[in-house]
Amino acid sequence: CEELTVPTARAMWAGSSAQPQVESTEVKGPVLRKPRWGMAGDQFHMAAGYAELKAEQKEESLVVECLCGENARQVVLDGVAQRGEILTKSLSEVIECAPVHCGDSVMLCPPQYIAIATYAASLRCAQKLVKALSVDGPFSISLVYDASNPESVFVVGCNLYTSRYLPMTCHTYLGEPWLEEAAKVVMGVPRRSKYMRIIDVEHVACRIPVFSFGNRPLTDPRLGSTMQATGEVVCFGAHLHEAYIRALQATGTKLPDKGILVSLGGVENKLKFAPLASLLIQSGFTLYVTEGTRAALIAEGVGEDGLRQVYPLLVATEPNCATLIDDGTIEFVINIPSGDATNKDTSGFQLRRKAVDRGIGLINSFPNAKLFTNALRWYKQVQTG
């Protein structure tokens, strides 16, 4: 990649006996641990920070790479090439920030949030790699970019086989028979490049993971660096919000009619969520919040008429979250924790488990909560005419 001037995440150290090449204070965002050769196995792991991963470093064969800051997000470029020339291609976007595993995140095709500069930089990287490797057949390239710097794109993986997302991208790009195209390339049949601009794609595909937390009573139902999804669904829509709502319903999640519990850890999460809270209230929802969240939202201009104060599960006072979930008043839970640690004795853990055990919807990340809020607002407007 260095010879091709393709940016990659920088190696920090190689093996437990080697000295780190950078100080831990220089690393502000997620880091990736992977085997020196290959991408599979339990040695491939993403962590929230340098200290967490360094504590687990045991084997000499490992290298660790920095993933370009706190706002790192992933895109996947799938395509088919012949003799090093790209014939067909598509870019899919993962909405969660690292270190959340991409398999546990909502994925959109074509991308709905990335900048044109990110798309162009991703394509340049792919073209250089495909040409240098003289790719004949399907390929899948994983890239990470910094949301605060759209041109900072880094390659983290290049596989010369079809990814599981290829059927989704095939149908998204007007039903292009990419698998048939790949088969002809492998057999040596000359093919011509098929160029399609993202703006010409007539619909959006949304992939949402499916979890089985209900069958694992001791686990914390929240997103992390280890993939926990046991399935996924893909739905299509004329636009992002339609595709997302269809996919969410296809997972078996029931959309709320009136009551949503909002639990936000940390001041930053409360400030970021305030505009979303206003949108939900304007859409006719009542938000059930704890005292601290209520005060923070009101301070940010959220109308207090749409807020109802409740007590956490571990507080034996009414109105309590547990009671309102049991009687159906609370129909959906948005719980965004402030830290990465899991503690079974906290109200946050008990709330997430309560939502899963009662079979109501649960979202515990800000990017997903933002998409959910805007999509639900659109859905309400459609329902009311």
Protein backbone atom coordinates (compact mmCIF):
# COMPACT_ATOMS: atom_id res chain seq x y z
CA CYS A 1 0.00 0.00 0.00
CA GLU A 2 2.89 2.37 0.68
CA GLU A 3 4.22 1.87 -2.86
CA LEU A 4 0.76 2.58 -4.25
CA THR A 5 0.33 5.62 -1.97
CA VAL A 6 -2.82 4.01 -0.59
CA PRO A 7 -3.34 5.22 3.01
CA THR A 8 -3.63 2.51 5.63
CA ALA A 9 -4.05 2.62 9.39
CA ARG A 10 -0.63 2.96 11.02
CA ALA A 11 1.01 0.08 12.88
CA MET A 12 1.64 0.88 16.52
CA TRP A 13 3.66 -2.12 17.67
CA ALA A 14 4.46 -5.65 16.53
CA GLY A 15 4.43 -8.24 19.30
CA SER A 16 4.38 -7.95 23.06
CA SER A 17 8.14 -7.64 23.39
CA ALA A 18 8.45 -4.70 21.02
CA GLN A 19 8.28 -1.14 22.27
CA PRO A 20 5.26 0.89 21.16
CA GLN A 21 6.02 3.14 18.21
CA VAL A 22 3.71 5.83 19.55
CA GLU A 23 2.72 6.98 23.00
CA SER A 24 -0.73 6.00 24.22
CA THR A 25 -1.57 9.68 24.73
CA GLU A 26 -1.33 10.19 20.95
CA VAL A 27 -4.11 7.71 20.27
CA LYS A 28 -7.48 9.40 20.74
CA GLY A 29 -9.80 6.93 19.09
CA PRO A 30 -10.45 3.23 18.44
CA VAL A 31 -7.66 0.79 17.65
CA LEU A 32 -7.69 -2.45 15.69
CA ARG A 33 -5.82 -5.62 16.56
CA LYS A 34 -5.33 -8.16 13.80
CA PRO A 35 -2.98 -11.02 12.91
CA ARG A 36 0.06 -10.11 10.88
CA TRP A 37 -1.35 -12.35 8.15
CA GLY A 38 -5.06 -12.80 7.54
CA MET A 39 -8.17 -11.25 9.00
CA ALA A 40 -9.94 -14.13 10.74
CA GLY A 41 -10.06 -15.68 14.18
CA ASP A 42 -10.32 -14.36 17.71
CA GLN A 43 -7.08 -12.39 17.23
CA PHE A 44 -9.01 -9.90 15.08
CA HIS A 45 -10.48 -7.42 17.53
CA MET A 46 -11.37 -3.75 17.81
CA ALA A 47 -11.21 -1.83 21.06
CA ALA A 48 -12.20 1.62 22.22
CA GLY A 49 -8.66 2.70 23.07
CA TYR A 50 -4.95 1.96 23.22
CA ALA A 51 -4.88 0.94 26.88
CA GLU A 52 -7.65 -1.65 26.51
CA LEU A 53 -5.93 -3.38 23.61
CA LYS A 54 -2.42 -3.18 25.01
CA ALA A 55 -3.58 -5.00 28.14
CA GLU A 56 -4.68 -7.93 25.95
CA GLN A 57 -1.53 -8.05 23.83
CA LYS A 58 0.08 -11.48 24.32
CA GLU A 59 1.27 -12.94 21.02
CA GLU A 60 4.25 -11.91 18.92
CA SER A 61 2.39 -12.35 15.64
CA LEU A 62 0.02 -9.45 16.20
CA VAL A 63 0.12 -5.88 14.99
CA VAL A 64 -2.11 -3.05 16.15
CA GLU A 65 -3.31 -0.20 14.00
CA CYS A 66 -4.86 3.15 14.78
CA LEU A 67 -8.16 3.91 13.06
CA CYS A 68 -7.94 7.65 12.41
CA GLY A 69 -9.54 9.21 15.46
CA GLU A 70 -12.67 9.21 17.59
CA ASN A 71 -15.07 9.67 14.66
CA ALA A 72 -13.94 6.64 12.65
CA ARG A 73 -16.64 5.12 10.45
CA GLN A 74 -16.53 2.29 7.96
CA VAL A 75 -17.54 1.94 4.32
CA VAL A 76 -17.42 -1.19 2.19
CA LEU A 77 -16.73 -1.09 -1.54
CA ASP A 78 -17.90 -4.20 -3.41
CA GLY A 79 -17.39 -4.82 -7.08
CA VAL A 80 -16.25 -6.98 -9.98
CA ALA A 81 -13.03 -6.40 -11.91
CA GLN A 82 -11.35 -7.89 -14.96
CA ARG A 83 -7.60 -7.76 -15.49
CA GLY A 84 -7.26 -5.02 -12.92
CA GLU A 85 -10.05 -2.81 -14.31
CA ILE A 86 -13.23 -2.26 -12.28
CA LEU A 87 -16.36 -3.30 -14.20
CA THR A 88 -19.04 -2.69 -11.56
CA LYS A 89 -18.86 -1.22 -8.08
CA SER A 90 -20.96 0.00 -5.19
CA LEU A 91 -20.30 1.62 -1.84
CA SER A 92 -22.16 0.74 1.37
CA GLU A 93 -22.08 2.81 4.54
CA VAL A 94 -21.97 1.72 8.19
CA ILE A 95 -23.68 4.34 10.34
CA GLU A 96 -22.08 3.46 13.69
CA CYS A 97 -18.73 4.89 14.74
CA ALA A 98 -15.89 2.54 15.64
CA PRO A 99 -15.31 0.52 17.76
CA VAL A 100 -18.83 -0.86 17.13
CA HIS A 101 -18.55 -3.95 14.92
CA CYS A 102 -19.90 -3.28 11.42
CA GLY A 103 -21.91 -6.52 11.60
CA ASP A 104 -23.92 -5.01 14.49
CA SER A 105 -24.59 -1.72 12.73
CA VAL A 106 -27.21 -0.47 10.34
CA MET A 107 -25.78 -0.47 6.79
CA LEU A 108 -27.02 1.69 3.94
CA CYS A 109 -26.56 1.28 0.20
CA PRO A 110 -25.97 3.61 -1.51
CA PRO A 111 -24.48 5.80 1.25
CA GLN A 112 -26.74 8.54 2.59
CA TYR A 113 -24.44 10.49 4.90
CA ILE A 114 -20.88 10.39 3.58
CA ALA A 115 -19.36 13.35 1.75
CA ILE A 116 -18.50 13.29 -1.94
CA ALA A 117 -14.85 13.60 -0.94
CA THR A 118 -15.11 10.35 1.04
CA TYR A 119 -16.69 8.53 -1.89
CA ALA A 120 -14.02 9.81 -4.29
CA ALA A 121 -11.14 8.93 -1.95
CA SER A 122 -12.58 5.42 -1.40
CA LEU A 123 -12.85 4.86 -5.14
CA ARG A 124 -9.26 6.04 -5.72
CA CYS A 125 -7.98 3.57 -3.14
CA ALA A 126 -9.99 0.76 -4.70
CA GLN A 127 -8.81 1.50 -8.22
CA LYS A 128 -5.15 1.47 -7.16
CA LEU A 129 -5.49 -1.82 -5.27
CA VAL A 130 -7.49 -3.57 -7.98
CA LYS A 131 -5.01 -2.55 -10.66
CA ALA A 132 -1.94 -3.50 -8.61
CA LEU A 133 -3.40 -6.93 -7.80
CA SER A 134 -4.71 -7.49 -11.36
CA VAL A 135 -8.02 -8.58 -9.87
CA ASP A 136 -10.06 -10.97 -12.02
CA GLY A 137 -13.45 -11.45 -10.38
CA PRO A 138 -15.28 -10.11 -7.34
CA PHE A 139 -13.62 -8.06 -4.61
CA SER A 140 -14.58 -6.39 -1.34
CA ILE A 141 -12.56 -3.57 0.20
CA SER A 142 -13.17 -2.27 3.74
CA LEU A 143 -12.22 1.33 4.43
CA VAL A 144 -12.41 3.60 7.44
CA TYR A 145 -12.81 7.37 7.29
CA ASP A 146 -12.86 10.19 9.81
CA ALA A 147 -16.29 11.84 9.89
CA SER A 148 -14.67 15.15 10.85
CA ASN A 149 -12.24 14.96 7.89
CA PRO A 150 -14.02 13.43 4.85
CA GLU A 151 -10.85 12.92 2.79
CA SER A 152 -9.04 10.89 5.48
CA VAL A 153 -9.83 7.41 4.12
CA PHE A 154 -7.82 4.36 5.23
CA VAL A 155 -7.85 0.82 3.87
CA VAL A 156 -8.25 -1.86 6.57
CA GLY A 157 -9.01 -4.91 4.44
CA CYS A 158 -9.05 -6.15 0.85
CA ASN A 159 -10.65 -9.51 0.03
CA LEU A 160 -10.78 -11.13 -3.40
CA TYR A 161 -14.15 -12.78 -2.95
CA THR A 162 -17.77 -11.74 -2.69
CA SER A 163 -18.92 -10.31 0.61
CA ARG A 164 -22.29 -11.19 2.10
CA TYR A 165 -23.44 -7.69 1.19
CA LEU A 166 -23.12 -8.30 -2.57
CA PRO A 167 -26.73 -9.52 -3.07
CA MET A 168 -27.94 -6.33 -1.36
CA THR A 169 -25.80 -4.10 -3.58
CA CYS A 170 -26.82 -6.04 -6.71
CA HIS A 171 -30.51 -5.41 -6.11
CA THR A 172 -29.92 -1.81 -5.08
CA TYR A 173 -28.17 -0.94 -8.31
CA LEU A 174 -31.24 -1.70 -10.42
CA GLY A 175 -30.89 -5.45 -10.25
CA GLU A 176 -27.47 -5.62 -11.92
CA PRO A 177 -26.51 -9.32 -12.25
CA TRP A 178 -23.09 -8.93 -10.63
CA LEU A 179 -22.73 -12.59 -9.70
CA GLU A 180 -23.31 -13.56 -13.33
CA GLU A 181 -20.80 -10.91 -14.33
CA ALA A 182 -18.22 -12.29 -11.88
CA ALA A 183 -18.74 -15.83 -13.18
CA LYS A 184 -18.10 -14.74 -16.78
CA VAL A 185 -14.96 -12.87 -15.70
CA VAL A 186 -13.61 -15.95 -13.92
CA MET A 187 -14.23 -18.00 -17.10
CA GLY A 188 -12.28 -15.47 -19.16
CA VAL A 189 -15.21 -13.97 -21.08
CA PRO A 190 -14.34 -10.35 -22.03
CA ARG A 191 -16.67 -7.87 -20.32
CA ARG A 192 -17.26 -4.12 -20.55
CA SER A 193 -17.35 -1.65 -17.71
CA LYS A 194 -20.82 -0.65 -16.47
CA TYR A 195 -20.76 2.78 -14.92
CA MET A 196 -23.62 4.04 -12.75
CA ARG A 197 -23.68 7.16 -10.63
CA ILE A 198 -25.06 7.00 -7.11
CA ILE A 199 -27.48 9.79 -7.97
CA ASP A 200 -29.07 7.53 -10.61
CA VAL A 201 -29.93 4.77 -8.12
CA GLU A 202 -33.70 4.75 -7.74
CA HIS A 203 -34.01 3.28 -4.24
CA VAL A 204 -32.17 2.69 -0.97
CA ALA A 205 -31.32 -0.59 0.73
CA CYS A 206 -31.13 -0.75 4.52
CA ARG A 207 -29.63 -3.68 6.38
CA ILE A 208 -30.46 -4.02 10.08
CA PRO A 209 -28.89 -6.71 12.31
CA VAL A 210 -31.00 -9.13 14.34
CA PHE A 211 -29.95 -10.06 17.88
CA SER A 212 -30.82 -12.95 20.16
CA PHE A 213 -30.32 -11.22 23.50
CA GLY A 214 -33.63 -12.64 24.67
CA ASN A 215 -32.08 -16.10 24.67
CA ARG A 216 -29.00 -14.90 26.60
CA PRO A 217 -30.31 -13.57 29.92
CA LEU A 218 -26.95 -12.66 31.45
CA THR A 219 -25.59 -10.61 28.55
CA ASP A 220 -25.69 -6.84 28.23
CA PRO A 221 -27.73 -5.93 25.11
CA ARG A 222 -25.54 -3.13 23.85
CA LEU A 223 -23.21 -2.62 20.90
CA GLY A 224 -19.47 -3.20 21.14
CA SER A 225 -16.36 -4.31 19.31
CA THR A 226 -17.41 -7.99 19.22
CA MET A 227 -20.11 -8.93 16.74
CA GLN A 228 -23.24 -10.16 18.54
CA ALA A 229 -25.82 -10.21 15.75
CA THR A 230 -27.22 -13.63 14.88
CA GLY A 231 -28.96 -12.57 11.68
CA GLU A 232 -29.91 -9.61 9.53
CA VAL A 233 -32.66 -8.31 7.28
CA VAL A 234 -32.47 -6.11 4.19
CA CYS A 235 -35.35 -3.99 2.93
CA PHE A 236 -35.66 -1.49 0.11
CA GLY A 237 -37.45 1.81 -0.05
CA ALA A 238 -37.87 4.84 -2.27
CA HIS A 239 -35.78 6.76 0.26
CA LEU A 240 -33.77 6.21 3.42
CA HIS A 241 -36.59 6.53 5.95
CA GLU A 242 -38.91 4.15 4.14
CA ALA A 243 -36.17 1.52 3.79
CA TYR A 244 -35.21 1.87 7.48
CA ILE A 245 -38.78 1.57 8.80
CA ARG A 246 -39.44 -1.47 6.62
CA ALA A 247 -36.24 -3.16 7.79
CA LEU A 248 -36.93 -2.33 11.44
CA GLN A 249 -40.40 -3.86 11.21
CA ALA A 250 -38.99 -6.89 9.39
CA THR A 251 -36.80 -7.64 12.42
CA GLY A 252 -39.98 -8.00 14.50
CA THR A 253 -39.58 -4.64 16.24
CA LYS A 254 -42.90 -2.96 17.04
CA LEU A 255 -42.93 0.78 16.42
CA PRO A 256 -44.14 2.93 19.32
CA ASP A 257 -47.46 4.75 19.19
CA LYS A 258 -47.10 7.16 22.12
CA GLY A 259 -44.61 6.35 24.88
CA ILE A 260 -40.81 6.29 24.55
CA LEU A 261 -38.36 6.02 27.43
CA VAL A 262 -35.19 8.06 26.93
CA SER A 263 -32.21 7.32 29.17
CA LEU A 264 -29.02 9.25 28.41
CA GLY A 265 -25.70 8.84 30.18
CA GLY A 266 -23.31 11.79 30.35
CA VAL A 267 -23.79 15.47 29.59
CA GLU A 268 -22.66 15.18 25.96
CA ASN A 269 -25.32 12.61 25.10
CA LYS A 270 -28.02 14.75 26.68
CA LEU A 271 -26.97 17.82 24.70
CA LYS A 272 -26.78 15.93 21.41
CA PHE A 273 -30.16 14.29 21.91
CA ALA A 274 -32.07 17.50 22.69
CA PRO A 275 -33.00 18.29 19.03
CA LEU A 276 -34.15 14.68 18.55
CA ALA A 277 -36.29 14.90 21.70
CA SER A 278 -38.02 17.99 20.30
CA LEU A 279 -38.74 16.16 17.03
CA LEU A 280 -40.25 13.19 18.86
CA ILE A 281 -42.48 15.44 20.97
CA GLN A 282 -43.58 17.37 17.86
CA SER A 283 -44.49 14.00 16.31
CA GLY A 284 -46.90 13.33 19.17
CA PHE A 285 -44.77 11.13 21.44
CA THR A 286 -44.46 11.41 25.19
CA LEU A 287 -40.89 11.00 26.44
CA TYR A 288 -40.35 9.34 29.82
CA VAL A 289 -37.07 10.55 31.35
CA THR A 290 -35.25 10.56 34.65
CA GLU A 291 -34.82 13.74 36.65
CA GLY A 292 -31.31 14.55 35.36
CA THR A 293 -32.20 13.95 31.72
CA ARG A 294 -35.38 16.01 32.07
CA ALA A 295 -33.51 18.98 33.51
CA ALA A 296 -30.83 18.85 30.80
CA LEU A 297 -33.36 18.62 27.97
CA ILE A 298 -35.45 21.50 29.30
CA ALA A 299 -32.29 23.59 29.62
CA GLU A 300 -31.66 22.96 25.91
CA GLY A 301 -35.11 24.23 24.96
CA VAL A 302 -37.11 21.01 24.85
CA GLY A 303 -40.75 21.61 25.76
CA GLU A 304 -41.48 20.19 29.20
CA ASP A 305 -45.10 19.39 28.31
CA GLY A 306 -43.88 16.38 26.34
CA LEU A 307 -41.63 15.11 29.14
CA ARG A 308 -42.71 12.85 31.98
CA GLN A 309 -40.33 12.20 34.87
CA VAL A 310 -39.87 8.59 35.98
CA TYR A 311 -37.58 6.83 38.43
CA PRO A 312 -34.88 4.30 37.45
CA LEU A 313 -35.47 0.56 37.86
CA LEU A 314 -33.25 0.30 40.93
CA VAL A 315 -35.21 3.00 42.79
CA ALA A 316 -38.32 1.69 44.55
CA THR A 317 -40.41 4.78 43.83
CA GLU A 318 -43.31 5.35 41.46
CA PRO A 319 -43.73 6.20 38.66
CA ASN A 320 -41.01 3.67 37.89
CA CYS A 321 -39.56 2.58 34.55
CA ALA A 322 -40.25 -1.08 35.28
CA THR A 323 -43.93 -0.51 36.07
CA LEU A 324 -44.53 1.60 32.97
CA ILE A 325 -42.79 -0.96 30.74
CA ASP A 326 -44.84 -3.79 32.25
CA ASP A 327 -48.18 -2.03 31.79
CA GLY A 328 -47.38 -1.00 28.20
CA THR A 329 -47.17 2.75 28.79
CA ILE A 330 -43.55 2.71 27.64
CA GLU A 331 -43.43 1.05 24.21
CA PHE A 332 -39.85 1.70 23.18
CA VAL A 333 -36.52 2.40 24.91
CA ILE A 334 -33.67 4.65 23.78
CA ASN A 335 -30.76 4.11 26.15
CA ILE A 336 -27.43 5.69 25.27
CA PRO A 337 -24.80 4.88 27.93
CA SER A 338 -21.82 7.17 28.51
CA GLY A 339 -19.12 4.53 28.95
CA ASP A 340 -18.03 1.20 27.53
CA ALA A 341 -17.93 -0.82 30.74
CA THR A 342 -20.70 -3.28 31.59
CA ASN A 343 -21.91 -3.45 35.18
CA LYS A 344 -24.88 -5.67 35.94
CA ASP A 345 -25.69 -3.65 39.06
CA THR A 346 -26.41 -0.40 37.20
CA SER A 347 -29.80 0.99 36.23
CA GLY A 348 -28.66 1.13 32.60
CA PHE A 349 -27.98 -2.60 32.41
CA GLN A 350 -31.25 -3.42 34.17
CA LEU A 351 -33.17 -1.14 31.81
CA ARG A 352 -31.67 -2.71 28.67
CA ARG A 353 -32.40 -6.19 29.98
CA LYS A 354 -35.96 -5.17 30.89
CA ALA A 355 -36.61 -3.90 27.38
CA VAL A 356 -35.26 -7.09 25.78
CA ASP A 357 -37.06 -9.40 28.20
CA ARG A 358 -40.38 -7.62 27.62
CA GLY A 359 -39.87 -7.71 23.86
CA ILE A 360 -39.98 -3.97 23.19
CA GLY A 361 -37.67 -2.05 20.89
CA LEU A 362 -34.25 -0.96 22.16
CA ILE A 363 -31.73 1.45 20.64
CA ASN A 364 -28.50 2.22 22.46
CA SER A 365 -26.39 4.36 20.12
CA PHE A 366 -26.74 7.97 19.02
CA PRO A 367 -26.35 7.42 15.22
CA ASN A 368 -29.11 4.82 15.27
CA ALA A 369 -31.29 6.96 17.55
CA LYS A 370 -30.94 9.88 15.13
CA LEU A 371 -31.92 7.77 12.13
CA PHE A 372 -34.79 6.19 14.09
CA THR A 373 -36.15 9.58 15.15
CA ASN A 374 -36.19 11.05 11.66
CA ALA A 375 -37.61 7.87 10.11
CA LEU A 376 -40.32 7.61 12.78
CA ARG A 377 -41.27 11.24 12.21
CA TRP A 378 -41.68 10.50 8.48
CA TYR A 379 -43.71 7.36 9.26
CA LYS A 380 -46.06 9.29 11.56
CA GLN A 381 -46.65 11.90 8.87
CA VAL A 382 -47.49 9.19 6.34
CA GLN A 383 -49.84 7.45 8.78
CA THR A 384 -51.74 10.64 9.58
CA GLY A 385 -51.94 11.65 5.93
